[in-house]
């Protein structure tokens, strides 16, 4: 007698559509080309919205300059030209790679990105790690205790983590762990002595943890990590709640699939089913969602960096929004848009190789 064994989607050849390299190439080409209209649309919207608030020179210096001096400054900055002319010049400079200088403090945008970009990258990486470390294990726990008290509590916690404003979570964490308990630093990327030590080294990446590890100074490493805990948790919980609910939902669906039932009928234990047969297929949709959550992390970084005085691009963006510096805001928003678009493209590439069905 021939035993009939039901195959899972990763085992059944009929479950995976056959596609040639051309299909994958077209899919990736389309995804790559979508980066350009996405960035163009977002930057265009920001350009015109910023002009609705008035120019930064008038708002900052109107009470300190004569009308003639004010007009001269506006003319020098080009803010007295027709709006469409300003927009055309902005597009031309952007295409040629000239991001200009900030209008309020005359800083090079390129220098600004080089100085503060590493801090935002570091914080985003920490937060993503926290989101995965929190969301995946708790999502698996919720799926295994489906419709019971642990599941209900974890689902409620996931909703709460996503719904609570990141700056409010940051303030609560600061109050508890920095002020009341005194366990962790209240703000900054590192202590003053550590910052000076890392900045005075001949070769620096701008990412404090890497620089501290390369220095071989254990005290500097601990100082950097202690400063990173609170902002990383505050920002990571924002995405961790989403990951938790996604893992739970997908794992429940995978555990009820036919090939898992077949393995269960052969006597495979529930723990092994969850670890070996169900978790990997359940994580495939999460890879795509994580790419979308990069936008949430960058948006949350603005509030997180401001709350914890983490001097990255988000902190600078909040400052330049306050003073309505057109040039700086446009450039920083464009950088954020490019990072999100490129990240989503990379996620699409990874998902296409993991699961060929996403190409259709």
C-alpha atoms as a PDB file:
ATOM      1  CA  UNK A   1       0.000   0.000   0.000  1.00  0.00           C
ATOM      2  CA  UNK A   2       1.297   3.446  -0.859  1.00  0.00           C
ATOM      3  CA  UNK A   3       1.004   5.983   1.939  1.00  0.00           C
ATOM      4  CA  UNK A   4      -0.497   9.310   0.953  1.00  0.00           C
ATOM      5  CA  UNK A   5       1.298  12.243   2.490  1.00  0.00           C
ATOM      6  CA  UNK A   6       0.034  15.775   1.971  1.00  0.00           C
ATOM      7  CA  UNK A   7       2.785  18.132   0.948  1.00  0.00           C
ATOM      8  CA  UNK A   8       3.184  21.672   2.166  1.00  0.00           C
ATOM      9  CA  UNK A   9       3.381  24.638  -0.195  1.00  0.00           C
ATOM     10  CA  UNK A  10       7.168  24.614   0.051  1.00  0.00           C
ATOM     11  CA  UNK A  11       7.237  20.898  -0.871  1.00  0.00           C
ATOM     12  CA  UNK A  12       4.496  20.636  -3.502  1.00  0.00           C
ATOM     13  CA  UNK A  13       5.828  21.459  -6.987  1.00  0.00           C
ATOM     14  CA  UNK A  14       2.324  22.312  -8.165  1.00  0.00           C
ATOM     15  CA  UNK A  15       1.881  24.868  -5.416  1.00  0.00           C
ATOM     16  CA  UNK A  16       4.683  27.038  -6.724  1.00  0.00           C
ATOM     17  CA  UNK A  17       4.085  28.557 -10.148  1.00  0.00           C
ATOM     18  CA  UNK A  18       6.871  28.042 -12.618  1.00  0.00           C
ATOM     19  CA  UNK A  19       8.391  31.236 -13.855  1.00  0.00           C
ATOM     20  CA  UNK A  20      11.383  32.067 -15.922  1.00  0.00           C
ATOM     21  CA  UNK A  21      14.101  34.516 -15.232  1.00  0.00           C
ATOM     22  CA  UNK A  22      12.274  37.005 -17.435  1.00  0.00           C
ATOM     23  CA  UNK A  23       9.324  37.102 -15.036  1.00  0.00           C
ATOM     24  CA  UNK A  24      11.574  37.834 -12.105  1.00  0.00           C
ATOM     25  CA  UNK A  25      13.532  40.405 -14.099  1.00  0.00           C
ATOM     26  CA  UNK A  26      10.370  42.262 -15.128  1.00  0.00           C
ATOM     27  CA  UNK A  27       9.055  42.186 -11.587  1.00  0.00           C
ATOM     28  CA  UNK A  28      12.260  43.649 -10.127  1.00  0.00           C
ATOM     29  CA  UNK A  29      12.536  46.246 -12.912  1.00  0.00           C
ATOM     30  CA  UNK A  30       9.006  47.496 -12.269  1.00  0.00           C
ATOM     31  CA  UNK A  31       9.635  47.649  -8.519  1.00  0.00           C
ATOM     32  CA  UNK A  32      12.861  49.564  -9.071  1.00  0.00           C
ATOM     33  CA  UNK A  33      11.279  52.077 -11.453  1.00  0.00           C
ATOM     34  CA  UNK A  34       8.518  52.774  -8.919  1.00  0.00           C
ATOM     35  CA  UNK A  35      11.134  54.340  -6.641  1.00  0.00           C
ATOM     36  CA  UNK A  36      11.387  57.447  -8.817  1.00  0.00           C
ATOM     37  CA  UNK A  37       7.692  58.523  -9.000  1.00  0.00           C
ATOM     38  CA  UNK A  38       7.310  57.771  -5.295  1.00  0.00           C
ATOM     39  CA  UNK A  39      10.177  60.065  -4.303  1.00  0.00           C
ATOM     40  CA  UNK A  40       9.159  62.692  -6.861  1.00  0.00           C
ATOM     41  CA  UNK A  41       5.569  62.831  -5.594  1.00  0.00           C
ATOM     42  CA  UNK A  42       6.525  63.095  -1.938  1.00  0.00           C
ATOM     43  CA  UNK A  43       9.176  65.758  -2.481  1.00  0.00           C
ATOM     44  CA  UNK A  44       6.810  67.780  -4.689  1.00  0.00           C
ATOM     45  CA  UNK A  45       4.095  67.729  -2.027  1.00  0.00           C
ATOM     46  CA  UNK A  46       6.590  68.837   0.636  1.00  0.00           C
ATOM     47  CA  UNK A  47       7.899  71.629  -1.622  1.00  0.00           C
ATOM     48  CA  UNK A  48       4.491  73.254  -2.095  1.00  0.00           C
ATOM     49  CA  UNK A  49       3.259  72.631   1.456  1.00  0.00           C
ATOM     50  CA  UNK A  50       6.324  74.326   2.930  1.00  0.00           C
ATOM     51  CA  UNK A  51       5.692  77.426   0.798  1.00  0.00           C
ATOM     52  CA  UNK A  52       2.195  77.726   2.247  1.00  0.00           C
ATOM     53  CA  UNK A  53       3.715  78.505   5.656  1.00  0.00           C
ATOM     54  CA  UNK A  54       5.699  81.516   4.437  1.00  0.00           C
ATOM     55  CA  UNK A  55       9.411  81.953   3.911  1.00  0.00           C
ATOM     56  CA  UNK A  56      11.892  81.390   6.768  1.00  0.00           C
ATOM     57  CA  UNK A  57      13.660  84.746   6.319  1.00  0.00           C
ATOM     58  CA  UNK A  58      10.512  86.795   6.934  1.00  0.00           C
ATOM     59  CA  UNK A  59       9.469  84.681   9.906  1.00  0.00           C
ATOM     60  CA  UNK A  60      12.918  84.841  11.530  1.00  0.00           C
ATOM     61  CA  UNK A  61      14.161  88.335  10.657  1.00  0.00           C
ATOM     62  CA  UNK A  62      11.141  90.497   9.798  1.00  0.00           C
ATOM     63  CA  UNK A  63      11.274  92.351  13.115  1.00  0.00           C
ATOM     64  CA  UNK A  64      15.044  92.927  12.883  1.00  0.00           C
ATOM     65  CA  UNK A  65      15.390  94.139   9.285  1.00  0.00           C
ATOM     66  CA  UNK A  66      14.071  97.137   7.410  1.00  0.00           C
ATOM     67  CA  UNK A  67      11.663  96.369   4.551  1.00  0.00           C
ATOM     68  CA  UNK A  68      14.432  97.102   2.046  1.00  0.00           C
ATOM     69  CA  UNK A  69      16.910  94.819   3.794  1.00  0.00           C
ATOM     70  CA  UNK A  70      14.259  92.111   4.009  1.00  0.00           C
ATOM     71  CA  UNK A  71      13.575  92.345   0.271  1.00  0.00           C
ATOM     72  CA  UNK A  72      17.305  92.114  -0.447  1.00  0.00           C
ATOM     73  CA  UNK A  73      17.597  88.953   1.650  1.00  0.00           C
ATOM     74  CA  UNK A  74      14.542  87.434  -0.043  1.00  0.00           C
ATOM     75  CA  UNK A  75      16.004  88.245  -3.456  1.00  0.00           C
ATOM     76  CA  UNK A  76      19.363  86.689  -2.559  1.00  0.00           C
ATOM     77  CA  UNK A  77      17.648  83.500  -1.403  1.00  0.00           C
ATOM     78  CA  UNK A  78      15.366  83.458  -4.471  1.00  0.00           C
ATOM     79  CA  UNK A  79      12.130  83.501  -2.489  1.00  0.00           C
ATOM     80  CA  UNK A  80      10.762  86.481  -4.437  1.00  0.00           C
ATOM     81  CA  UNK A  81      10.675  84.551  -7.713  1.00  0.00           C
ATOM     82  CA  UNK A  82       7.507  82.856  -9.063  1.00  0.00           C
ATOM     83  CA  UNK A  83       6.713  79.605  -7.346  1.00  0.00           C
ATOM     84  CA  UNK A  84       6.999  77.497 -10.488  1.00  0.00           C
ATOM     85  CA  UNK A  85      10.428  78.974 -11.201  1.00  0.00           C
ATOM     86  CA  UNK A  86      11.562  78.017  -7.690  1.00  0.00           C
ATOM     87  CA  UNK A  87      10.152  74.533  -8.226  1.00  0.00           C
ATOM     88  CA  UNK A  88      11.975  74.138 -11.549  1.00  0.00           C
ATOM     89  CA  UNK A  89      15.263  75.244 -10.000  1.00  0.00           C
ATOM     90  CA  UNK A  90      14.707  72.850  -7.120  1.00  0.00           C
ATOM     91  CA  UNK A  91      14.144  69.885  -9.461  1.00  0.00           C
ATOM     92  CA  UNK A  92      17.190  70.814 -11.543  1.00  0.00           C
ATOM     93  CA  UNK A  93      19.440  71.050  -8.492  1.00  0.00           C
ATOM     94  CA  UNK A  94      18.095  67.785  -7.108  1.00  0.00           C
ATOM     95  CA  UNK A  95      18.724  65.873 -10.331  1.00  0.00           C
ATOM     96  CA  UNK A  96      22.286  67.210 -10.498  1.00  0.00           C
ATOM     97  CA  UNK A  97      22.906  66.185  -6.883  1.00  0.00           C
ATOM     98  CA  UNK A  98      23.128  69.742  -5.533  1.00  0.00           C
ATOM     99  CA  UNK A  99      21.188  69.672  -2.267  1.00  0.00           C
ATOM    100  CA  UNK A 100      22.238  73.237  -1.418  1.00  0.00           C
ATOM    101  CA  UNK A 101      22.771  74.816   1.969  1.00  0.00           C
ATOM    102  CA  UNK A 102      20.348  75.410   4.811  1.00  0.00           C
ATOM    103  CA  UNK A 103      18.610  78.775   4.684  1.00  0.00           C
ATOM    104  CA  UNK A 104      18.807  79.562   8.395  1.00  0.00           C
ATOM    105  CA  UNK A 105      22.376  78.623   9.351  1.00  0.00           C
ATOM    106  CA  UNK A 106      24.068  78.215   5.936  1.00  0.00           C
ATOM    107  CA  UNK A 107      25.155  74.615   6.523  1.00  0.00           C
ATOM    108  CA  UNK A 108      25.893  72.247   3.667  1.00  0.00           C
ATOM    109  CA  UNK A 109      23.129  69.650   3.343  1.00  0.00           C
ATOM    110  CA  UNK A 110      25.701  67.051   2.330  1.00  0.00           C
ATOM    111  CA  UNK A 111      27.687  67.803   5.479  1.00  0.00           C
ATOM    112  CA  UNK A 112      24.476  67.613   7.507  1.00  0.00           C
ATOM    113  CA  UNK A 113      23.712  64.152   6.153  1.00  0.00           C
ATOM    114  CA  UNK A 114      27.242  62.954   6.828  1.00  0.00           C
ATOM    115  CA  UNK A 115      27.264  64.309  10.379  1.00  0.00           C
ATOM    116  CA  UNK A 116      23.865  63.141  11.578  1.00  0.00           C
ATOM    117  CA  UNK A 117      22.872  60.318   9.210  1.00  0.00           C
ATOM    118  CA  UNK A 118      24.809  57.636  11.086  1.00  0.00           C
ATOM    119  CA  UNK A 119      22.964  58.429  14.319  1.00  0.00           C
ATOM    120  CA  UNK A 120      19.568  57.842  12.708  1.00  0.00           C
ATOM    121  CA  UNK A 121      20.766  54.636  11.033  1.00  0.00           C
ATOM    122  CA  UNK A 122      22.050  53.390  14.387  1.00  0.00           C
ATOM    123  CA  UNK A 123      18.811  54.162  16.219  1.00  0.00           C
ATOM    124  CA  UNK A 124      16.682  52.593  13.471  1.00  0.00           C
ATOM    125  CA  UNK A 125      18.768  49.404  13.560  1.00  0.00           C
ATOM    126  CA  UNK A 126      18.437  49.190  17.351  1.00  0.00           C
ATOM    127  CA  UNK A 127      14.679  49.733  17.156  1.00  0.00           C
ATOM    128  CA  UNK A 128      14.231  47.111  14.436  1.00  0.00           C
ATOM    129  CA  UNK A 129      16.173  44.612  16.547  1.00  0.00           C
ATOM    130  CA  UNK A 130      13.950  45.364  19.547  1.00  0.00           C
ATOM    131  CA  UNK A 131      10.829  44.956  17.391  1.00  0.00           C
ATOM    132  CA  UNK A 132      11.950  41.511  16.195  1.00  0.00           C
ATOM    133  CA  UNK A 133      13.094  40.340  19.636  1.00  0.00           C
ATOM    134  CA  UNK A 134       9.769  41.386  21.141  1.00  0.00           C
ATOM    135  CA  UNK A 135       7.341  40.679  18.317  1.00  0.00           C
ATOM    136  CA  UNK A 136       8.407  37.237  17.060  1.00  0.00           C
ATOM    137  CA  UNK A 137       8.605  35.312  20.395  1.00  0.00           C
ATOM    138  CA  UNK A 138       5.472  36.938  21.797  1.00  0.00           C
ATOM    139  CA  UNK A 139       3.597  36.414  18.537  1.00  0.00           C
ATOM    140  CA  UNK A 140       4.490  32.725  18.620  1.00  0.00           C
ATOM    141  CA  UNK A 141       3.394  32.523  22.258  1.00  0.00           C
ATOM    142  CA  UNK A 142       0.058  34.160  21.423  1.00  0.00           C
ATOM    143  CA  UNK A 143      -0.516  31.730  18.537  1.00  0.00           C
ATOM    144  CA  UNK A 144       0.182  28.684  20.721  1.00  0.00           C
ATOM    145  CA  UNK A 145      -2.321  29.952  23.339  1.00  0.00           C
ATOM    146  CA  UNK A 146      -4.925  31.031  20.823  1.00  0.00           C
ATOM    147  CA  UNK A 147      -8.144  32.470  22.295  1.00  0.00           C
ATOM    148  CA  UNK A 148      -6.910  32.014  25.849  1.00  0.00           C
ATOM    149  CA  UNK A 149      -5.886  34.569  28.458  1.00  0.00           C
ATOM    150  CA  UNK A 150      -2.200  34.868  27.373  1.00  0.00           C
ATOM    151  CA  UNK A 151      -3.331  35.422  23.783  1.00  0.00           C
ATOM    152  CA  UNK A 152      -5.823  38.102  24.788  1.00  0.00           C
ATOM    153  CA  UNK A 153      -3.269  39.923  26.938  1.00  0.00           C
ATOM    154  CA  UNK A 154      -0.598  39.818  24.229  1.00  0.00           C
ATOM    155  CA  UNK A 155      -2.999  41.042  21.543  1.00  0.00           C
ATOM    156  CA  UNK A 156      -4.056  43.909  23.761  1.00  0.00           C
ATOM    157  CA  UNK A 157      -0.411  44.718  24.445  1.00  0.00           C
ATOM    158  CA  UNK A 158       0.360  44.710  20.721  1.00  0.00           C
ATOM    159  CA  UNK A 159      -2.455  47.157  19.997  1.00  0.00           C
ATOM    160  CA  UNK A 160      -1.393  49.351  22.905  1.00  0.00           C
ATOM    161  CA  UNK A 161       2.252  49.403  21.788  1.00  0.00           C
ATOM    162  CA  UNK A 162       1.291  50.496  18.290  1.00  0.00           C
ATOM    163  CA  UNK A 163      -1.373  53.003  19.349  1.00  0.00           C
ATOM    164  CA  UNK A 164       0.571  54.865  22.050  1.00  0.00           C
ATOM    165  CA  UNK A 165       2.490  57.911  20.755  1.00  0.00           C
ATOM    166  CA  UNK A 166       6.198  57.172  20.673  1.00  0.00           C
ATOM    167  CA  UNK A 167       7.086  60.397  22.478  1.00  0.00           C
ATOM    168  CA  UNK A 168       4.693  59.496  25.312  1.00  0.00           C
ATOM    169  CA  UNK A 169       6.257  56.048  25.656  1.00  0.00           C
ATOM    170  CA  UNK A 170       9.683  57.707  25.668  1.00  0.00           C
ATOM    171  CA  UNK A 171       8.695  60.114  28.438  1.00  0.00           C
ATOM    172  CA  UNK A 172       7.268  57.279  30.546  1.00  0.00           C
ATOM    173  CA  UNK A 173      10.443  55.220  30.094  1.00  0.00           C
ATOM    174  CA  UNK A 174      12.602  58.214  31.027  1.00  0.00           C
ATOM    175  CA  UNK A 175      10.519  58.893  34.113  1.00  0.00           C
ATOM    176  CA  UNK A 176      10.684  55.291  35.358  1.00  0.00           C
ATOM    177  CA  UNK A 177      14.171  54.099  34.404  1.00  0.00           C
ATOM    178  CA  UNK A 178      16.141  57.349  34.351  1.00  0.00           C
ATOM    179  CA  UNK A 179      14.493  59.573  36.953  1.00  0.00           C
ATOM    180  CA  UNK A 180      12.885  57.242  39.501  1.00  0.00           C
ATOM    181  CA  UNK A 181      15.202  54.235  39.333  1.00  0.00           C
ATOM    182  CA  UNK A 182      18.320  55.954  37.990  1.00  0.00           C
ATOM    183  CA  UNK A 183      19.338  52.860  36.046  1.00  0.00           C
ATOM    184  CA  UNK A 184      19.837  54.426  32.609  1.00  0.00           C
ATOM    185  CA  UNK A 185      20.895  57.802  31.180  1.00  0.00           C
ATOM    186  CA  UNK A 186      18.128  60.276  30.473  1.00  0.00           C
ATOM    187  CA  UNK A 187      19.269  61.549  27.058  1.00  0.00           C
ATOM    188  CA  UNK A 188      22.026  61.669  24.458  1.00  0.00           C
ATOM    189  CA  UNK A 189      23.898  59.045  22.436  1.00  0.00           C
ATOM    190  CA  UNK A 190      26.747  58.714  24.943  1.00  0.00           C
ATOM    191  CA  UNK A 191      28.366  60.503  27.858  1.00  0.00           C
ATOM    192  CA  UNK A 192      30.450  63.600  27.145  1.00  0.00           C
ATOM    193  CA  UNK A 193      33.782  61.890  27.760  1.00  0.00           C
ATOM    194  CA  UNK A 194      32.816  58.939  25.548  1.00  0.00           C
ATOM    195  CA  UNK A 195      31.692  61.233  22.739  1.00  0.00           C
ATOM    196  CA  UNK A 196      34.954  63.167  22.830  1.00  0.00           C
ATOM    197  CA  UNK A 197      36.930  59.922  22.923  1.00  0.00           C
ATOM    198  CA  UNK A 198      35.114  58.478  19.908  1.00  0.00           C
ATOM    199  CA  UNK A 199      35.121  61.689  17.873  1.00  0.00           C
ATOM    200  CA  UNK A 200      38.857  62.223  18.355  1.00  0.00           C
ATOM    201  CA  UNK A 201      39.788  58.856  16.919  1.00  0.00           C
ATOM    202  CA  UNK A 202      41.414  58.863  13.492  1.00  0.00           C
ATOM    203  CA  UNK A 203      38.892  56.527  11.854  1.00  0.00           C
ATOM    204  CA  UNK A 204      35.231  56.873  12.808  1.00  0.00           C
ATOM    205  CA  UNK A 205      32.041  55.630  11.175  1.00  0.00           C
ATOM    206  CA  UNK A 206      29.679  57.881  13.121  1.00  0.00           C
ATOM    207  CA  UNK A 207      27.917  54.813  14.496  1.00  0.00           C
ATOM    208  CA  UNK A 208      28.963  54.953  18.115  1.00  0.00           C
ATOM    209  CA  UNK A 209      28.628  51.243  18.880  1.00  0.00           C
ATOM    210  CA  UNK A 210      30.885  50.239  15.975  1.00  0.00           C
ATOM    211  CA  UNK A 211      33.419  52.942  16.853  1.00  0.00           C
ATOM    212  CA  UNK A 212      33.381  51.900  20.519  1.00  0.00           C
ATOM    213  CA  UNK A 213      33.877  48.227  19.623  1.00  0.00           C
ATOM    214  CA  UNK A 214      36.746  49.109  17.290  1.00  0.00           C
ATOM    215  CA  UNK A 215      38.380  51.137  20.044  1.00  0.00           C
ATOM    216  CA  UNK A 216      38.453  48.121  22.353  1.00  0.00           C
ATOM    217  CA  UNK A 217      37.288  50.251  25.282  1.00  0.00           C
ATOM    218  CA  UNK A 218      34.730  48.239  27.257  1.00  0.00           C
ATOM    219  CA  UNK A 219      33.622  51.272  29.229  1.00  0.00           C
ATOM    220  CA  UNK A 220      32.798  53.162  26.034  1.00  0.00           C
ATOM    221  CA  UNK A 221      30.816  50.194  24.699  1.00  0.00           C
ATOM    222  CA  UNK A 222      28.749  49.958  27.890  1.00  0.00           C
ATOM    223  CA  UNK A 223      28.182  53.711  27.911  1.00  0.00           C
ATOM    224  CA  UNK A 224      26.931  53.693  24.301  1.00  0.00           C
ATOM    225  CA  UNK A 225      24.639  50.708  24.901  1.00  0.00           C
ATOM    226  CA  UNK A 226      23.195  52.180  28.096  1.00  0.00           C
ATOM    227  CA  UNK A 227      22.294  55.398  26.259  1.00  0.00           C
ATOM    228  CA  UNK A 228      20.690  53.403  23.430  1.00  0.00           C
ATOM    229  CA  UNK A 229      18.348  51.272  25.546  1.00  0.00           C
ATOM    230  CA  UNK A 230      15.504  53.711  26.239  1.00  0.00           C
ATOM    231  CA  UNK A 231      15.187  55.315  22.773  1.00  0.00           C
ATOM    232  CA  UNK A 232      15.515  51.899  21.105  1.00  0.00           C
ATOM    233  CA  UNK A 233      12.770  50.387  23.241  1.00  0.00           C
ATOM    234  CA  UNK A 234      10.490  53.405  22.812  1.00  0.00           C
ATOM    235  CA  UNK A 235      10.804  53.284  19.026  1.00  0.00           C
ATOM    236  CA  UNK A 236      11.035  49.496  18.714  1.00  0.00           C
ATOM    237  CA  UNK A 237       7.765  48.873  20.560  1.00  0.00           C
ATOM    238  CA  UNK A 238       5.985  50.870  17.859  1.00  0.00           C
ATOM    239  CA  UNK A 239       6.839  48.207  15.267  1.00  0.00           C
ATOM    240  CA  UNK A 240       7.019  45.353  17.779  1.00  0.00           C
ATOM    241  CA  UNK A 241       3.257  45.511  18.282  1.00  0.00           C
ATOM    242  CA  UNK A 242       2.711  45.121  14.539  1.00  0.00           C
ATOM    243  CA  UNK A 243       5.165  42.220  14.298  1.00  0.00           C
ATOM    244  CA  UNK A 244       3.498  40.461  17.255  1.00  0.00           C
ATOM    245  CA  UNK A 245       0.049  40.509  15.679  1.00  0.00           C
ATOM    246  CA  UNK A 246       1.347  39.527  12.241  1.00  0.00           C
ATOM    247  CA  UNK A 247       3.318  36.579  13.612  1.00  0.00           C
ATOM    248  CA  UNK A 248       0.308  35.420  15.603  1.00  0.00           C
ATOM    249  CA  UNK A 249      -2.103  35.654  12.657  1.00  0.00           C
ATOM    250  CA  UNK A 250       0.212  34.015  10.129  1.00  0.00           C
ATOM    251  CA  UNK A 251       1.332  31.287  12.521  1.00  0.00           C
ATOM    252  CA  UNK A 252      -2.261  30.370  13.347  1.00  0.00           C
ATOM    253  CA  UNK A 253      -2.991  30.091   9.633  1.00  0.00           C
ATOM    254  CA  UNK A 254       0.117  28.002   8.989  1.00  0.00           C
ATOM    255  CA  UNK A 255      -0.549  25.658  11.920  1.00  0.00           C
ATOM    256  CA  UNK A 256      -3.928  24.802  10.407  1.00  0.00           C
ATOM    257  CA  UNK A 257      -2.486  24.067   6.944  1.00  0.00           C
ATOM    258  CA  UNK A 258      -2.817  20.602   5.479  1.00  0.00           C
ATOM    259  CA  UNK A 259       0.857  19.715   5.502  1.00  0.00           C
ATOM    260  CA  UNK A 260       1.089  20.622   9.198  1.00  0.00           C
ATOM    261  CA  UNK A 261      -1.927  18.397   9.911  1.00  0.00           C
ATOM    262  CA  UNK A 262      -0.172  15.600   8.032  1.00  0.00           C
ATOM    263  CA  UNK A 263       2.931  16.021  10.175  1.00  0.00           C
ATOM    264  CA  UNK A 264       0.778  16.135  13.289  1.00  0.00           C
ATOM    265  CA  UNK A 265      -0.909  12.878  12.303  1.00  0.00           C
ATOM    266  CA  UNK A 266       2.538  11.262  12.137  1.00  0.00           C
ATOM    267  CA  UNK A 267       3.080  12.107  15.781  1.00  0.00           C
ATOM    268  CA  UNK A 268       5.180  15.244  15.453  1.00  0.00           C
ATOM    269  CA  UNK A 269       4.922  17.304  18.662  1.00  0.00           C
ATOM    270  CA  UNK A 270       3.368  20.760  18.747  1.00  0.00           C
ATOM    271  CA  UNK A 271       6.618  22.461  19.698  1.00  0.00           C
ATOM    272  CA  UNK A 272       8.461  20.919  16.750  1.00  0.00           C
ATOM    273  CA  UNK A 273       5.534  21.740  14.463  1.00  0.00           C
ATOM    274  CA  UNK A 274       5.692  25.380  15.459  1.00  0.00           C
ATOM    275  CA  UNK A 275       9.489  25.603  15.297  1.00  0.00           C
ATOM    276  CA  UNK A 276      10.232  23.570  12.187  1.00  0.00           C
ATOM    277  CA  UNK A 277       7.113  23.396  10.012  1.00  0.00           C
ATOM    278  CA  UNK A 278       5.095  26.524  10.656  1.00  0.00           C
ATOM    279  CA  UNK A 279       7.351  29.419  11.672  1.00  0.00           C
ATOM    280  CA  UNK A 280       9.311  29.880   8.443  1.00  0.00           C
ATOM    281  CA  UNK A 281       6.262  30.050   6.116  1.00  0.00           C
ATOM    282  CA  UNK A 282       4.562  32.369   8.617  1.00  0.00           C
ATOM    283  CA  UNK A 283       7.507  34.791   8.559  1.00  0.00           C
ATOM    284  CA  UNK A 284       7.483  35.290   4.765  1.00  0.00           C
ATOM    285  CA  UNK A 285       4.657  37.908   4.766  1.00  0.00           C
ATOM    286  CA  UNK A 286       6.330  39.661   7.690  1.00  0.00           C
ATOM    287  CA  UNK A 287       9.444  40.366   5.617  1.00  0.00           C
ATOM    288  CA  UNK A 288       7.347  42.497   3.278  1.00  0.00           C
ATOM    289  CA  UNK A 289       5.579  44.282   6.112  1.00  0.00           C
ATOM    290  CA  UNK A 290       8.885  45.106   7.816  1.00  0.00           C
ATOM    291  CA  UNK A 291       9.911  47.035   4.722  1.00  0.00           C
ATOM    292  CA  UNK A 292       6.785  49.147   5.053  1.00  0.00           C
ATOM    293  CA  UNK A 293       7.487  49.669   8.738  1.00  0.00           C
ATOM    294  CA  UNK A 294      10.776  51.404   7.934  1.00  0.00           C
ATOM    295  CA  UNK A 295       8.678  54.468   7.133  1.00  0.00           C
ATOM    296  CA  UNK A 296       7.104  54.207  10.579  1.00  0.00           C
ATOM    297  CA  UNK A 297      10.514  53.896  12.194  1.00  0.00           C
ATOM    298  CA  UNK A 298      11.845  56.972  10.383  1.00  0.00           C
ATOM    299  CA  UNK A 299       8.715  58.924  11.259  1.00  0.00           C
ATOM    300  CA  UNK A 300       8.977  57.807  14.855  1.00  0.00           C
ATOM    301  CA  UNK A 301      12.677  58.667  14.851  1.00  0.00           C
ATOM    302  CA  UNK A 302      11.791  62.353  14.567  1.00  0.00           C
ATOM    303  CA  UNK A 303       9.858  62.236  17.842  1.00  0.00           C
ATOM    304  CA  UNK A 304      12.185  59.743  19.532  1.00  0.00           C
ATOM    305  CA  UNK A 305      15.334  61.697  18.735  1.00  0.00           C
ATOM    306  CA  UNK A 306      13.695  64.899  19.954  1.00  0.00           C
ATOM    307  CA  UNK A 307      12.491  63.249  23.170  1.00  0.00           C
ATOM    308  CA  UNK A 308      15.893  61.722  23.985  1.00  0.00           C
ATOM    309  CA  UNK A 309      18.054  64.447  22.403  1.00  0.00           C
ATOM    310  CA  UNK A 310      19.469  61.808  20.093  1.00  0.00           C
ATOM    311  CA  UNK A 311      21.096  64.115  17.569  1.00  0.00           C
ATOM    312  CA  UNK A 312      20.316  62.448  14.267  1.00  0.00           C
ATOM    313  CA  UNK A 313      18.504  63.485  11.116  1.00  0.00           C
ATOM    314  CA  UNK A 314      15.129  63.258  12.861  1.00  0.00           C
ATOM    315  CA  UNK A 315      16.290  65.698  15.518  1.00  0.00           C
ATOM    316  CA  UNK A 316      17.552  68.064  12.823  1.00  0.00           C
ATOM    317  CA  UNK A 317      14.351  67.736  10.802  1.00  0.00           C
ATOM    318  CA  UNK A 318      12.262  68.729  13.818  1.00  0.00           C
ATOM    319  CA  UNK A 319      14.494  71.786  14.314  1.00  0.00           C
ATOM    320  CA  UNK A 320      14.309  72.905  10.682  1.00  0.00           C
ATOM    321  CA  UNK A 321      10.553  72.377  10.600  1.00  0.00           C
ATOM    322  CA  UNK A 322      10.260  74.736  13.555  1.00  0.00           C
ATOM    323  CA  UNK A 323      12.201  77.492  11.800  1.00  0.00           C
ATOM    324  CA  UNK A 324      10.590  76.667   8.411  1.00  0.00           C
ATOM    325  CA  UNK A 325      13.861  76.143   6.606  1.00  0.00           C
ATOM    326  CA  UNK A 326      12.688  75.078   3.143  1.00  0.00           C
ATOM    327  CA  UNK A 327      16.007  73.818   1.863  1.00  0.00           C
ATOM    328  CA  UNK A 328      16.806  71.639   4.861  1.00  0.00           C
ATOM    329  CA  UNK A 329      13.308  70.147   5.202  1.00  0.00           C
ATOM    330  CA  UNK A 330      13.066  69.324   1.499  1.00  0.00           C
ATOM    331  CA  UNK A 331      16.469  67.643   1.485  1.00  0.00           C
ATOM    332  CA  UNK A 332      15.865  65.616   4.654  1.00  0.00           C
ATOM    333  CA  UNK A 333      12.397  64.492   3.557  1.00  0.00           C
ATOM    334  CA  UNK A 334      13.845  63.465   0.201  1.00  0.00           C
ATOM    335  CA  UNK A 335      16.535  61.410   1.945  1.00  0.00           C
ATOM    336  CA  UNK A 336      13.920  59.708   4.114  1.00  0.00           C
ATOM    337  CA  UNK A 337      11.782  59.000   1.037  1.00  0.00           C
ATOM    338  CA  UNK A 338      14.731  57.483  -0.839  1.00  0.00           C
ATOM    339  CA  UNK A 339      15.638  55.290   2.154  1.00  0.00           C
ATOM    340  CA  UNK A 340      12.064  54.018   2.485  1.00  0.00           C
ATOM    341  CA  UNK A 341      11.700  53.397  -1.257  1.00  0.00           C
ATOM    342  CA  UNK A 342      15.037  51.596  -1.561  1.00  0.00           C
ATOM    343  CA  UNK A 343      14.296  49.518   1.543  1.00  0.00           C
ATOM    344  CA  UNK A 344      10.958  48.448   0.100  1.00  0.00           C
ATOM    345  CA  UNK A 345      12.698  47.501  -3.146  1.00  0.00           C
ATOM    346  CA  UNK A 346      15.225  45.369  -1.254  1.00  0.00           C
ATOM    347  CA  UNK A 347      12.381  43.706   0.644  1.00  0.00           C
ATOM    348  CA  UNK A 348      10.604  42.976  -2.653  1.00  0.00           C
ATOM    349  CA  UNK A 349      13.778  41.360  -3.989  1.00  0.00           C
ATOM    350  CA  UNK A 350      14.189  39.196  -0.890  1.00  0.00           C
ATOM    351  CA  UNK A 351      10.516  38.202  -0.902  1.00  0.00           C
ATOM    352  CA  UNK A 352      10.657  37.305  -4.600  1.00  0.00           C
ATOM    353  CA  UNK A 353      13.527  34.897  -4.019  1.00  0.00           C
ATOM    354  CA  UNK A 354      11.974  33.380  -0.893  1.00  0.00           C
ATOM    355  CA  UNK A 355       8.497  32.946  -2.374  1.00  0.00           C
ATOM    356  CA  UNK A 356       8.201  33.063  -6.201  1.00  0.00           C
ATOM    357  CA  UNK A 357       4.429  33.557  -5.924  1.00  0.00           C
ATOM    358  CA  UNK A 358       4.900  37.250  -4.981  1.00  0.00           C
ATOM    359  CA  UNK A 359       5.991  37.952  -8.552  1.00  0.00           C
ATOM    360  CA  UNK A 360       2.415  37.668  -9.755  1.00  0.00           C
END
